[in-house]
Amino acid sequence: QVQLVESGGGLVQAGGSLRLSCAASGSTRSINAMGWFRQVAGKQRELVALINSGGGTNYQNSVRGRFTISRDNGKNTVYLQMNSLKAEDTAVYYCNVRTWPVVVDYWGQGTQVTVSS
């Protein structure tokens, strides 16, 4: 089992920045990929950014160049630095980790990010 605790959401003006953090505990040695998803009420949860165990990253097109995902394996923590925020980035952001070789997805509780225009 892996437990995830997120922090760093809040209210920011358009053009501003926020940094999300997600700390994992429990069976952290099984963690492979770590990532961030977001969801707006009434819509499907969507991928924002992923980082694998080797440091390779993948971003949703709409955030590429503005958001940066990183991880500190010593602290079992994944970060999402969000710059040049737009109103359309407003959503609940969820941390996700995937374990290996037994593939299980774990989710954080979600943190609200609100960007005012």
N, C-alpha and C. Protein backbone atom coordinates (compact mmCIF):
# COMPACT_ATOMS: atom_id res chain seq x y z
N GLN A 1 0.84 -1.19 0.00
CA GLN A 1 0.00 0.00 0.00
C GLN A 1 0.88 1.25 0.00
N VAL A 2 0.42 2.23 -0.72
CA VAL A 2 1.10 3.53 -0.78
C VAL A 2 0.10 4.60 -0.38
N GLN A 3 0.52 5.49 0.50
CA GLN A 3 -0.32 6.61 0.90
C GLN A 3 0.30 7.89 0.30
N LEU A 4 -0.58 8.78 -0.15
CA LEU A 4 -0.14 10.02 -0.79
C LEU A 4 -0.77 11.22 -0.09
N VAL A 5 0.05 12.21 0.18
CA VAL A 5 -0.44 13.45 0.79
C VAL A 5 0.00 14.62 -0.08
N GLU A 6 -0.97 15.36 -0.56
CA GLU A 6 -0.71 16.49 -1.45
C GLU A 6 -0.74 17.80 -0.67
N SER A 7 -0.06 18.79 -1.22
CA SER A 7 -0.11 20.13 -0.66
C SER A 7 0.25 21.13 -1.75
N GLY A 8 -0.09 22.39 -1.52
CA GLY A 8 0.35 23.45 -2.40
C GLY A 8 -0.70 24.10 -3.28
N GLY A 9 -1.92 23.61 -3.24
CA GLY A 9 -2.96 24.24 -4.05
C GLY A 9 -3.38 25.58 -3.46
N GLY A 10 -4.25 26.27 -4.18
CA GLY A 10 -4.75 27.54 -3.68
C GLY A 10 -5.29 28.42 -4.78
N LEU A 11 -5.44 29.69 -4.45
CA LEU A 11 -5.98 30.70 -5.38
C LEU A 11 -4.84 31.59 -5.85
N VAL A 12 -4.77 31.79 -7.16
CA VAL A 12 -3.71 32.62 -7.73
C VAL A 12 -4.28 33.38 -8.91
N GLN A 13 -3.72 34.55 -9.18
CA GLN A 13 -4.15 35.31 -10.35
C GLN A 13 -3.53 34.75 -11.62
N ALA A 14 -4.19 34.99 -12.71
CA ALA A 14 -3.67 34.56 -14.00
C ALA A 14 -2.27 35.14 -14.21
N GLY A 15 -1.38 34.29 -14.72
CA GLY A 15 0.01 34.68 -14.89
C GLY A 15 0.89 34.32 -13.72
N GLY A 16 0.28 33.93 -12.62
CA GLY A 16 1.03 33.59 -11.42
C GLY A 16 1.53 32.17 -11.44
N SER A 17 2.10 31.76 -10.30
CA SER A 17 2.71 30.44 -10.17
C SER A 17 2.25 29.75 -8.89
N LEU A 18 2.25 28.44 -8.95
CA LEU A 18 2.02 27.60 -7.78
C LEU A 18 2.90 26.37 -7.90
N ARG A 19 3.23 25.78 -6.75
CA ARG A 19 3.99 24.54 -6.74
C ARG A 19 3.23 23.52 -5.91
N LEU A 20 2.90 22.41 -6.54
CA LEU A 20 2.24 21.32 -5.85
C LEU A 20 3.27 20.29 -5.43
N SER A 21 3.02 19.68 -4.27
CA SER A 21 3.88 18.62 -3.77
C SER A 21 3.03 17.42 -3.41
N CYS A 22 3.61 16.24 -3.53
CA CYS A 22 2.91 15.01 -3.18
C CYS A 22 3.94 14.07 -2.56
N ALA A 23 3.76 13.78 -1.28
CA ALA A 23 4.68 12.91 -0.55
C ALA A 23 4.07 11.53 -0.41
N ALA A 24 4.85 10.53 -0.78
CA ALA A 24 4.40 9.14 -0.69
C ALA A 24 5.00 8.47 0.54
N SER A 25 4.23 7.57 1.12
CA SER A 25 4.71 6.76 2.24
C SER A 25 4.16 5.35 2.10
N GLY A 26 4.69 4.44 2.89
CA GLY A 26 4.27 3.05 2.80
C GLY A 26 5.22 2.26 1.92
N SER A 27 4.70 1.51 0.98
CA SER A 27 5.51 0.63 0.10
C SER A 27 6.12 1.43 -1.04
N THR A 28 6.95 2.39 -0.71
CA THR A 28 7.47 3.31 -1.71
C THR A 28 8.50 2.67 -2.64
N ARG A 29 9.10 1.57 -2.22
CA ARG A 29 10.11 0.93 -3.08
C ARG A 29 9.49 0.36 -4.35
N SER A 30 8.18 0.15 -4.33
CA SER A 30 7.50 -0.39 -5.51
C SER A 30 7.06 0.69 -6.49
N ILE A 31 7.27 1.95 -6.15
CA ILE A 31 6.80 3.04 -7.02
C ILE A 31 7.64 3.13 -8.28
N ASN A 32 6.96 3.22 -9.42
CA ASN A 32 7.63 3.40 -10.70
C ASN A 32 7.33 4.81 -11.20
N ALA A 33 6.22 4.98 -11.87
CA ALA A 33 5.88 6.31 -12.40
C ALA A 33 5.13 7.13 -11.36
N MET A 34 5.31 8.45 -11.45
CA MET A 34 4.59 9.40 -10.60
C MET A 34 4.03 10.48 -11.52
N GLY A 35 2.86 11.01 -11.16
CA GLY A 35 2.29 12.00 -12.05
C GLY A 35 1.22 12.84 -11.41
N TRP A 36 0.73 13.76 -12.21
CA TRP A 36 -0.36 14.64 -11.79
C TRP A 36 -1.47 14.60 -12.83
N PHE A 37 -2.68 14.52 -12.34
CA PHE A 37 -3.87 14.59 -13.16
C PHE A 37 -4.73 15.75 -12.64
N ARG A 38 -5.70 16.16 -13.42
CA ARG A 38 -6.63 17.19 -12.95
C ARG A 38 -8.03 16.89 -13.44
N GLN A 39 -8.98 17.44 -12.71
CA GLN A 39 -10.38 17.19 -13.05
C GLN A 39 -11.23 18.41 -12.74
N VAL A 40 -12.05 18.75 -13.70
CA VAL A 40 -13.05 19.81 -13.54
C VAL A 40 -14.38 19.12 -13.36
N ALA A 41 -15.23 19.68 -12.52
CA ALA A 41 -16.54 19.08 -12.25
C ALA A 41 -17.29 18.81 -13.55
N GLY A 42 -17.78 17.60 -13.68
CA GLY A 42 -18.54 17.23 -14.85
C GLY A 42 -17.71 16.74 -16.02
N LYS A 43 -16.38 16.74 -15.86
CA LYS A 43 -15.50 16.29 -16.93
C LYS A 43 -14.63 15.14 -16.45
N GLN A 44 -14.04 14.43 -17.40
CA GLN A 44 -13.16 13.33 -17.06
C GLN A 44 -11.83 13.84 -16.50
N ARG A 45 -11.25 13.03 -15.64
CA ARG A 45 -9.93 13.34 -15.13
C ARG A 45 -8.93 13.21 -16.29
N GLU A 46 -8.00 14.17 -16.37
CA GLU A 46 -7.05 14.17 -17.48
C GLU A 46 -5.62 14.25 -16.98
N LEU A 47 -4.73 13.67 -17.77
CA LEU A 47 -3.32 13.69 -17.45
C LEU A 47 -2.76 15.10 -17.61
N VAL A 48 -1.96 15.52 -16.63
CA VAL A 48 -1.25 16.79 -16.75
C VAL A 48 0.22 16.51 -17.07
N ALA A 49 0.86 15.68 -16.25
CA ALA A 49 2.28 15.39 -16.45
C ALA A 49 2.64 14.09 -15.75
N LEU A 50 3.60 13.38 -16.34
CA LEU A 50 4.10 12.13 -15.78
C LEU A 50 5.62 12.16 -15.74
N ILE A 51 6.21 11.46 -14.76
CA ILE A 51 7.64 11.29 -14.72
C ILE A 51 7.91 9.84 -14.31
N ASN A 52 8.77 9.16 -15.08
CA ASN A 52 9.03 7.76 -14.77
C ASN A 52 10.24 7.63 -13.84
N SER A 53 10.57 6.39 -13.52
CA SER A 53 11.64 6.17 -12.55
C SER A 53 13.00 6.63 -13.07
N GLY A 54 13.14 6.70 -14.39
CA GLY A 54 14.39 7.16 -14.98
C GLY A 54 14.46 8.65 -15.20
N GLY A 55 13.39 9.35 -14.84
CA GLY A 55 13.36 10.81 -15.00
C GLY A 55 12.74 11.30 -16.29
N GLY A 56 12.31 10.37 -17.15
CA GLY A 56 11.65 10.76 -18.38
C GLY A 56 10.29 11.38 -18.09
N THR A 57 9.92 12.41 -18.85
CA THR A 57 8.69 13.14 -18.58
C THR A 57 7.77 13.17 -19.79
N ASN A 58 6.51 13.39 -19.51
CA ASN A 58 5.50 13.54 -20.55
C ASN A 58 4.49 14.57 -20.06
N TYR A 59 4.08 15.46 -20.95
CA TYR A 59 3.17 16.54 -20.57
C TYR A 59 1.97 16.60 -21.51
N GLN A 60 0.86 17.04 -20.96
CA GLN A 60 -0.28 17.41 -21.79
C GLN A 60 0.14 18.63 -22.62
N ASN A 61 -0.30 18.66 -23.85
CA ASN A 61 0.13 19.75 -24.75
C ASN A 61 -0.17 21.13 -24.18
N SER A 62 -1.29 21.29 -23.52
CA SER A 62 -1.70 22.62 -23.07
C SER A 62 -0.83 23.18 -21.94
N VAL A 63 -0.04 22.32 -21.29
CA VAL A 63 0.78 22.79 -20.17
C VAL A 63 2.28 22.76 -20.50
N ARG A 64 2.63 22.14 -21.63
CA ARG A 64 4.04 22.01 -21.97
C ARG A 64 4.66 23.39 -22.12
N GLY A 65 5.80 23.60 -21.47
CA GLY A 65 6.46 24.89 -21.50
C GLY A 65 6.08 25.78 -20.33
N ARG A 66 4.98 25.46 -19.66
CA ARG A 66 4.56 26.25 -18.50
C ARG A 66 4.69 25.47 -17.19
N PHE A 67 4.46 24.16 -17.25
CA PHE A 67 4.52 23.31 -16.05
C PHE A 67 5.78 22.44 -16.12
N THR A 68 6.33 22.15 -14.95
CA THR A 68 7.48 21.25 -14.86
C THR A 68 7.25 20.25 -13.76
N ILE A 69 7.35 18.97 -14.10
CA ILE A 69 7.23 17.91 -13.11
C ILE A 69 8.62 17.43 -12.72
N SER A 70 8.80 17.14 -11.44
CA SER A 70 10.08 16.62 -10.96
C SER A 70 9.81 15.71 -9.78
N ARG A 71 10.83 14.93 -9.43
CA ARG A 71 10.67 14.02 -8.30
C ARG A 71 11.97 13.95 -7.52
N ASP A 72 11.80 13.74 -6.22
CA ASP A 72 12.94 13.54 -5.31
C ASP A 72 12.77 12.13 -4.75
N ASN A 73 13.51 11.19 -5.29
CA ASN A 73 13.33 9.80 -4.89
C ASN A 73 13.74 9.57 -3.43
N GLY A 74 14.68 10.36 -2.94
CA GLY A 74 15.09 10.22 -1.55
C GLY A 74 13.98 10.61 -0.58
N LYS A 75 13.13 11.54 -1.02
CA LYS A 75 12.01 12.00 -0.19
C LYS A 75 10.69 11.39 -0.64
N ASN A 76 10.74 10.55 -1.68
CA ASN A 76 9.51 9.93 -2.21
C ASN A 76 8.45 10.98 -2.50
N THR A 77 8.88 12.04 -3.14
CA THR A 77 8.00 13.18 -3.38
C THR A 77 8.05 13.59 -4.85
N VAL A 78 6.89 13.93 -5.37
CA VAL A 78 6.79 14.45 -6.73
C VAL A 78 6.25 15.87 -6.65
N TYR A 79 6.77 16.72 -7.53
CA TYR A 79 6.40 18.12 -7.54
C TYR A 79 5.83 18.51 -8.90
N LEU A 80 4.99 19.54 -8.89
CA LEU A 80 4.53 20.13 -10.13
C LEU A 80 4.66 21.65 -9.99
N GLN A 81 5.63 22.20 -10.69
CA GLN A 81 5.80 23.65 -10.72
C GLN A 81 4.95 24.19 -11.85
N MET A 82 4.01 25.07 -11.52
CA MET A 82 3.08 25.60 -12.49
C MET A 82 3.31 27.10 -12.63
N ASN A 83 3.74 27.51 -13.81
CA ASN A 83 3.99 28.92 -14.11
C ASN A 83 3.03 29.42 -15.18
N SER A 84 2.92 30.73 -15.29
CA SER A 84 2.05 31.34 -16.31
C SER A 84 0.66 30.72 -16.29
N LEU A 85 0.10 30.62 -15.11
CA LEU A 85 -1.19 29.95 -14.96
C LEU A 85 -2.30 30.71 -15.67
N LYS A 86 -3.22 29.93 -16.19
CA LYS A 86 -4.37 30.47 -16.92
C LYS A 86 -5.66 30.04 -16.22
N ALA A 87 -6.73 30.75 -16.51
CA ALA A 87 -8.02 30.42 -15.90
C ALA A 87 -8.42 28.98 -16.21
N GLU A 88 -8.07 28.51 -17.39
CA GLU A 88 -8.44 27.14 -17.79
C GLU A 88 -7.63 26.07 -17.08
N ASP A 89 -6.65 26.47 -16.27
CA ASP A 89 -5.92 25.51 -15.44
C ASP A 89 -6.67 25.22 -14.14
N THR A 90 -7.73 25.96 -13.88
CA THR A 90 -8.52 25.75 -12.67
C THR A 90 -9.10 24.34 -12.65
N ALA A 91 -8.83 23.62 -11.56
CA ALA A 91 -9.28 22.23 -11.44
C ALA A 91 -8.85 21.69 -10.08
N VAL A 92 -9.32 20.50 -9.78
CA VAL A 92 -8.76 19.75 -8.66
C VAL A 92 -7.61 18.91 -9.23
N TYR A 93 -6.46 19.03 -8.63
CA TYR A 93 -5.26 18.32 -9.08
C TYR A 93 -5.02 17.11 -8.18
N TYR A 94 -4.81 15.97 -8.82
CA TYR A 94 -4.60 14.71 -8.10
C TYR A 94 -3.21 14.16 -8.39
N CYS A 95 -2.54 13.77 -7.35
CA CYS A 95 -1.28 13.07 -7.48
C CYS A 95 -1.57 11.59 -7.75
N ASN A 96 -0.74 10.98 -8.56
CA ASN A 96 -0.88 9.56 -8.90
C ASN A 96 0.49 8.90 -8.87
N VAL A 97 0.54 7.69 -8.33
CA VAL A 97 1.74 6.87 -8.47
C VAL A 97 1.31 5.49 -8.95
N ARG A 98 2.19 4.89 -9.72
CA ARG A 98 1.95 3.54 -10.24
C ARG A 98 3.10 2.64 -9.79
N THR A 99 2.74 1.49 -9.27
CA THR A 99 3.75 0.57 -8.76
C THR A 99 4.14 -0.45 -9.81
N TRP A 100 5.27 -1.09 -9.58
CA TRP A 100 5.83 -2.09 -10.49
C TRP A 100 6.60 -3.10 -9.66
N PRO A 101 6.58 -4.44 -9.96
CA PRO A 101 5.96 -5.05 -11.13
C PRO A 101 4.48 -5.32 -11.01
N VAL A 102 3.95 -5.31 -9.78
CA VAL A 102 2.50 -5.43 -9.65
C VAL A 102 1.94 -4.03 -9.90
N VAL A 103 1.22 -3.88 -10.98
CA VAL A 103 0.75 -2.55 -11.39
C VAL A 103 -0.51 -2.17 -10.60
N VAL A 104 -0.34 -1.18 -9.75
CA VAL A 104 -1.46 -0.63 -8.98
C VAL A 104 -1.35 0.89 -9.03
N ASP A 105 -2.46 1.56 -9.24
CA ASP A 105 -2.50 3.02 -9.21
C ASP A 105 -3.01 3.50 -7.86
N TYR A 106 -2.28 4.44 -7.29
CA TYR A 106 -2.71 5.08 -6.05
C TYR A 106 -2.93 6.57 -6.32
N TRP A 107 -3.92 7.13 -5.60
CA TRP A 107 -4.30 8.53 -5.81
C TRP A 107 -4.25 9.33 -4.53
N GLY A 108 -3.86 10.59 -4.66
CA GLY A 108 -3.96 11.50 -3.54
C GLY A 108 -5.39 11.98 -3.37
N GLN A 109 -5.59 12.79 -2.34
CA GLN A 109 -6.94 13.24 -2.00
C GLN A 109 -7.40 14.38 -2.88
N GLY A 110 -6.49 14.99 -3.62
CA GLY A 110 -6.82 16.10 -4.49
C GLY A 110 -6.60 17.44 -3.81
N THR A 111 -6.15 18.40 -4.59
CA THR A 111 -5.96 19.75 -4.07
C THR A 111 -6.50 20.74 -5.10
N GLN A 112 -7.26 21.71 -4.64
CA GLN A 112 -7.91 22.66 -5.54
C GLN A 112 -6.93 23.74 -5.98
N VAL A 113 -6.89 23.97 -7.27
CA VAL A 113 -6.14 25.08 -7.86
C VAL A 113 -7.15 25.97 -8.57
N THR A 114 -7.21 27.22 -8.17
CA THR A 114 -8.13 28.18 -8.78
C THR A 114 -7.34 29.36 -9.31
N VAL A 115 -7.50 29.63 -10.60
CA VAL A 115 -6.79 30.73 -11.25
C VAL A 115 -7.83 31.79 -11.63
N SER A 116 -7.69 32.96 -11.07
CA SER A 116 -8.65 34.03 -11.36
C SER A 116 -8.13 34.86 -12.53
N SER A 117 -9.06 35.22 -13.40
CA SER A 117 -8.68 35.97 -14.61
C SER A 117 -8.86 37.46 -14.41
